[in-house]
Amino acid sequence: MAEKHVNFVKRILERRGIGGDRVNMYHCSAAEVGRFKESVEDMMSKIRKLGPNPLRQEK
């Protein structure tokens, strides 16, 4: 069910021009510390490449 929700949010973000890659779902257990770390690093890399939220207005 969670994967269905994540895919739904991805589609909404794409339609709004924000980018569906800003949301992702990774599967790992509490015992998979290395995999969790890789998942966080992967997501951080993707966010950096995408840049700031295009809807956020500068103050």
N, C-alpha and C. Protein backbone atom coordinates (compact mmCIF):
# COMPACT_ATOMS: atom_id res chain seq x y z
N MET A 1 0.83 -1.19 0.00
CA MET A 1 0.00 0.00 0.00
C MET A 1 0.87 1.26 0.00
N ALA A 2 1.97 1.23 0.75
CA ALA A 2 2.85 2.39 0.82
C ALA A 2 3.45 2.69 -0.56
N GLU A 3 3.83 1.65 -1.28
CA GLU A 3 4.40 1.84 -2.62
C GLU A 3 3.38 2.49 -3.56
N LYS A 4 2.14 2.12 -3.43
CA LYS A 4 1.07 2.71 -4.23
C LYS A 4 0.96 4.21 -3.93
N HIS A 5 1.04 4.57 -2.66
CA HIS A 5 0.98 5.99 -2.27
C HIS A 5 2.18 6.77 -2.78
N VAL A 6 3.36 6.18 -2.70
CA VAL A 6 4.57 6.85 -3.18
C VAL A 6 4.45 7.10 -4.68
N ASN A 7 3.99 6.12 -5.43
CA ASN A 7 3.82 6.30 -6.87
C ASN A 7 2.79 7.37 -7.19
N PHE A 8 1.74 7.45 -6.39
CA PHE A 8 0.72 8.49 -6.56
C PHE A 8 1.33 9.88 -6.36
N VAL A 9 2.10 10.04 -5.29
CA VAL A 9 2.75 11.32 -5.00
C VAL A 9 3.73 11.68 -6.12
N LYS A 10 4.47 10.70 -6.63
CA LYS A 10 5.41 10.94 -7.73
C LYS A 10 4.67 11.52 -8.94
N ARG A 11 3.52 10.93 -9.28
CA ARG A 11 2.73 11.41 -10.43
C ARG A 11 2.25 12.84 -10.21
N ILE A 12 1.80 13.14 -9.00
CA ILE A 12 1.33 14.49 -8.70
C ILE A 12 2.47 15.49 -8.84
N LEU A 13 3.65 15.16 -8.30
CA LEU A 13 4.79 16.07 -8.38
C LEU A 13 5.22 16.28 -9.83
N GLU A 14 5.16 15.24 -10.64
CA GLU A 14 5.50 15.39 -12.06
C GLU A 14 4.53 16.32 -12.75
N ARG A 15 3.25 16.15 -12.49
CA ARG A 15 2.24 17.00 -13.12
C ARG A 15 2.38 18.46 -12.71
N ARG A 16 2.84 18.70 -11.50
CA ARG A 16 3.01 20.07 -11.00
C ARG A 16 4.35 20.68 -11.40
N GLY A 17 5.19 19.89 -12.06
CA GLY A 17 6.47 20.41 -12.51
C GLY A 17 7.55 20.45 -11.43
N ILE A 18 7.34 19.74 -10.36
CA ILE A 18 8.31 19.74 -9.26
C ILE A 18 9.32 18.62 -9.45
N GLY A 19 8.89 17.53 -10.03
CA GLY A 19 9.78 16.40 -10.27
C GLY A 19 9.47 15.24 -9.35
N GLY A 20 9.04 14.14 -9.93
CA GLY A 20 8.70 12.96 -9.16
C GLY A 20 9.88 12.29 -8.51
N ASP A 21 11.09 12.62 -8.97
CA ASP A 21 12.29 12.02 -8.39
C ASP A 21 12.58 12.53 -6.98
N ARG A 22 11.83 13.51 -6.53
CA ARG A 22 12.03 14.03 -5.17
C ARG A 22 11.46 13.09 -4.11
N VAL A 23 10.71 12.09 -4.55
CA VAL A 23 10.13 11.11 -3.63
C VAL A 23 10.57 9.74 -4.10
N ASN A 24 10.99 8.91 -3.17
CA ASN A 24 11.42 7.56 -3.49
C ASN A 24 11.11 6.65 -2.32
N MET A 25 11.07 5.37 -2.61
CA MET A 25 10.83 4.38 -1.56
C MET A 25 11.94 3.35 -1.62
N TYR A 26 12.53 3.10 -0.48
CA TYR A 26 13.61 2.12 -0.38
C TYR A 26 13.18 1.04 0.61
N HIS A 27 13.58 -0.17 0.34
CA HIS A 27 13.25 -1.30 1.22
C HIS A 27 14.51 -1.77 1.93
N CYS A 28 14.50 -1.70 3.24
CA CYS A 28 15.61 -2.25 4.02
C CYS A 28 15.12 -2.50 5.44
N SER A 29 15.72 -3.50 6.08
CA SER A 29 15.33 -3.83 7.44
C SER A 29 16.23 -3.07 8.42
N ALA A 30 15.88 -3.14 9.68
CA ALA A 30 16.67 -2.47 10.72
C ALA A 30 18.08 -3.04 10.80
N ALA A 31 18.27 -4.25 10.36
CA ALA A 31 19.58 -4.89 10.41
C ALA A 31 20.47 -4.50 9.23
N GLU A 32 19.91 -3.85 8.23
CA GLU A 32 20.65 -3.49 7.03
C GLU A 32 21.16 -2.05 7.08
N VAL A 33 22.04 -1.78 8.00
CA VAL A 33 22.55 -0.42 8.20
C VAL A 33 23.26 0.08 6.95
N GLY A 34 24.06 -0.76 6.33
CA GLY A 34 24.78 -0.36 5.12
C GLY A 34 23.83 -0.01 3.99
N ARG A 35 22.80 -0.80 3.84
CA ARG A 35 21.82 -0.53 2.78
C ARG A 35 21.06 0.76 3.06
N PHE A 36 20.73 0.99 4.33
CA PHE A 36 20.05 2.23 4.70
C PHE A 36 20.93 3.44 4.36
N LYS A 37 22.20 3.35 4.71
CA LYS A 37 23.13 4.44 4.42
C LYS A 37 23.21 4.70 2.92
N GLU A 38 23.29 3.64 2.13
CA GLU A 38 23.33 3.79 0.67
C GLU A 38 22.06 4.44 0.15
N SER A 39 20.93 4.09 0.72
CA SER A 39 19.65 4.66 0.31
C SER A 39 19.61 6.16 0.58
N VAL A 40 20.08 6.55 1.77
CA VAL A 40 20.10 7.97 2.12
C VAL A 40 21.04 8.73 1.20
N GLU A 41 22.22 8.18 0.96
CA GLU A 41 23.18 8.84 0.07
C GLU A 41 22.65 8.95 -1.35
N ASP A 42 21.96 7.91 -1.82
CA ASP A 42 21.36 7.95 -3.16
C ASP A 42 20.32 9.05 -3.26
N MET A 43 19.46 9.14 -2.26
CA MET A 43 18.41 10.16 -2.27
C MET A 43 19.00 11.57 -2.17
N MET A 44 20.02 11.73 -1.34
CA MET A 44 20.67 13.04 -1.22
C MET A 44 21.30 13.46 -2.55
N SER A 45 21.91 12.53 -3.23
CA SER A 45 22.52 12.80 -4.53
C SER A 45 21.46 13.24 -5.55
N LYS A 46 20.34 12.54 -5.57
CA LYS A 46 19.26 12.89 -6.50
C LYS A 46 18.71 14.27 -6.21
N ILE A 47 18.51 14.59 -4.94
CA ILE A 47 17.97 15.90 -4.56
C ILE A 47 18.94 17.02 -4.94
N ARG A 48 20.22 16.80 -4.70
CA ARG A 48 21.22 17.81 -5.08
C ARG A 48 21.19 18.08 -6.59
N LYS A 49 21.06 17.02 -7.39
CA LYS A 49 21.02 17.17 -8.84
C LYS A 49 19.77 17.92 -9.29
N LEU A 50 18.66 17.68 -8.59
CA LEU A 50 17.41 18.34 -8.96
C LEU A 50 17.41 19.82 -8.58
N GLY A 51 18.14 20.18 -7.55
CA GLY A 51 18.20 21.57 -7.11
C GLY A 51 17.03 21.92 -6.22
N PRO A 52 16.91 23.21 -5.91
CA PRO A 52 15.85 23.64 -4.99
C PRO A 52 14.45 23.46 -5.59
N ASN A 53 13.48 23.44 -4.73
CA ASN A 53 12.08 23.32 -5.11
C ASN A 53 11.75 24.48 -6.06
N PRO A 54 11.28 24.19 -7.27
CA PRO A 54 10.98 25.27 -8.21
C PRO A 54 9.79 26.14 -7.79
N LEU A 55 8.98 25.67 -6.87
CA LEU A 55 7.83 26.45 -6.41
C LEU A 55 8.17 27.35 -5.22
N ARG A 56 9.32 27.11 -4.61
CA ARG A 56 9.69 27.90 -3.44
C ARG A 56 10.10 29.30 -3.89
N GLN A 57 9.52 30.28 -3.27
CA GLN A 57 9.83 31.67 -3.62
C GLN A 57 10.95 32.19 -2.74
N GLU A 58 11.84 32.93 -3.35
CA GLU A 58 12.95 33.54 -2.60
C GLU A 58 12.38 34.63 -1.71
N LYS A 59 12.95 34.73 -0.51
CA LYS A 59 12.50 35.77 0.43
C LYS A 59 13.31 37.03 0.25
